[in-house]
Amino acid sequence: LKNPDGKKHAKVLENLDNPDMFLIGFRHTYETGNEKYNDLVLSLELREGLWDLNGDGKFDMRDIGIIVKAFGTK
């Protein structure tokens, strides 16, 4: 799936204060030159010790321990 303008609308950034957290920024505008990626920002945090809670040896979304927080702007 491609964007109609052919440009990137999401960017993953490393959080320098927390190496286990990544920030995913989105921009919704087309062809405006706005490269801020701050229209919607998700923080994705990996938590140690939550990889295989049920002991089945398989990793699913519940076991991975991903904490997602969203912040939007208008």
Protein backbone atom coordinates (compact mmCIF):
# COMPACT_ATOMS: atom_id res chain seq x y z
CA LEU A 1 0.00 0.00 0.00
CA LYS A 2 1.45 3.36 -1.03
CA ASN A 3 0.51 6.89 -0.12
CA PRO A 4 -1.02 8.93 -2.98
CA ASP A 5 1.83 11.46 -2.82
CA GLY A 6 4.56 8.77 -2.67
CA LYS A 7 6.07 10.27 0.49
CA LYS A 8 6.66 8.78 3.92
CA HIS A 9 3.98 9.55 6.49
CA ALA A 10 5.50 7.67 9.45
CA LYS A 11 8.88 7.72 11.13
CA VAL A 12 10.35 5.59 13.94
CA LEU A 13 12.60 7.39 16.41
CA GLU A 14 14.70 6.02 19.25
CA ASN A 15 13.98 7.55 22.63
CA LEU A 16 17.41 8.62 23.91
CA ASP A 17 16.11 8.83 27.50
CA ASN A 18 14.77 5.26 27.44
CA PRO A 19 16.47 2.77 25.07
CA ASP A 20 13.54 0.34 25.48
CA MET A 21 11.06 2.90 24.10
CA PHE A 22 10.58 3.86 20.48
CA LEU A 23 8.47 6.74 19.20
CA ILE A 24 6.45 6.37 16.01
CA GLY A 25 5.36 9.69 14.54
CA PHE A 26 2.79 10.17 11.78
CA ARG A 27 1.98 13.12 9.56
CA HIS A 28 -1.33 13.34 7.74
CA THR A 29 -0.71 16.20 5.32
CA TYR A 30 0.17 15.77 1.65
CA GLU A 31 2.78 17.78 -0.24
CA THR A 32 3.16 20.53 2.38
CA GLY A 33 6.82 20.03 3.26
CA ASN A 34 5.84 19.36 6.89
CA GLU A 35 8.36 16.74 8.01
CA LYS A 36 7.56 16.98 11.74
CA TYR A 37 5.69 13.66 12.06
CA ASN A 38 3.80 14.98 15.08
CA ASP A 39 0.15 14.67 14.00
CA LEU A 40 -0.01 11.39 15.92
CA VAL A 41 2.82 9.99 18.05
CA LEU A 42 2.82 6.48 19.51
CA SER A 43 5.31 5.38 22.11
CA LEU A 44 6.16 1.70 22.07
CA GLU A 45 7.90 0.37 25.17
CA LEU A 46 9.35 -3.10 25.63
CA ARG A 47 9.21 -4.36 29.20
CA GLU A 48 11.72 -6.90 30.51
CA GLY A 49 10.31 -10.11 31.94
CA LEU A 50 7.04 -10.05 30.01
CA TRP A 51 8.14 -12.09 27.01
CA ASP A 52 6.52 -15.46 27.78
CA LEU A 53 4.07 -15.08 30.64
CA ASN A 54 2.11 -18.27 30.03
CA GLY A 55 5.20 -20.49 29.52
CA ASP A 56 4.08 -21.94 26.19
CA GLY A 57 7.31 -20.93 24.44
CA LYS A 58 5.39 -18.82 21.91
CA PHE A 59 5.37 -15.05 21.76
CA ASP A 60 2.11 -13.29 21.08
CA MET A 61 1.05 -9.68 21.60
CA ARG A 62 0.01 -10.35 25.19
CA ASP A 63 3.32 -12.03 26.02
CA ILE A 64 5.56 -9.49 24.28
CA GLY A 65 4.73 -6.79 26.80
CA ILE A 66 4.33 -3.88 24.44
CA ILE A 67 2.94 -0.76 26.06
CA VAL A 68 1.46 1.67 23.52
CA LYS A 69 0.53 5.26 24.28
CA ALA A 70 -0.85 7.69 21.70
CA PHE A 71 -0.67 11.46 21.63
CA GLY A 72 -2.44 13.42 18.89
CA THR A 73 -2.43 17.04 17.79
CA LYS A 74 -4.83 19.03 15.64
